Each structure stands twice: as C-alpha cells, then as structure tokens.
C-alpha cells in the first residue's frame, strides 16, 4: 500500500464514524490543527500516535496505515 493510502483510510474511518476533525482531536487528546495536519500529510505520524488512533477504532496501526 502506498504511504498516502493509510491517510485516506484514516479520513474514511473518521467520516464513517461521523466525527469532525475537532471531535477526533478531542478524543485523542490533541489539538485540532495537529490532527488535521496528520490526516492531511503535513505532519509526520509518530508510532505512539498511530497506536492511539488505531486503538480508538479498535484496530492495529497496520490495519490503517500499512497493507502488503
């Protein structure tokens, strides 16, 4: 999977759960602008943040950000 596909999957997950950027950021205890920058590939995604996001959706980071 291309690196950017994971970010698209993240956006789809957020929208499927009817969450705004702000709601998602609040649930992850981060600023709205930081979350927006992650989802829009303007900030690097650190492993601990990927884990936090994946856990919120009941997934593993690889299920969102990586596929063979």
Foldseek 3Di string as FASTA:
>chain_A
DDQLQLLVLLVVVCVVVVHDLCRLCVQLVHHSVVSVCVSVVNDDDDLVNLQSSQVVVPHGSCVRRHDD
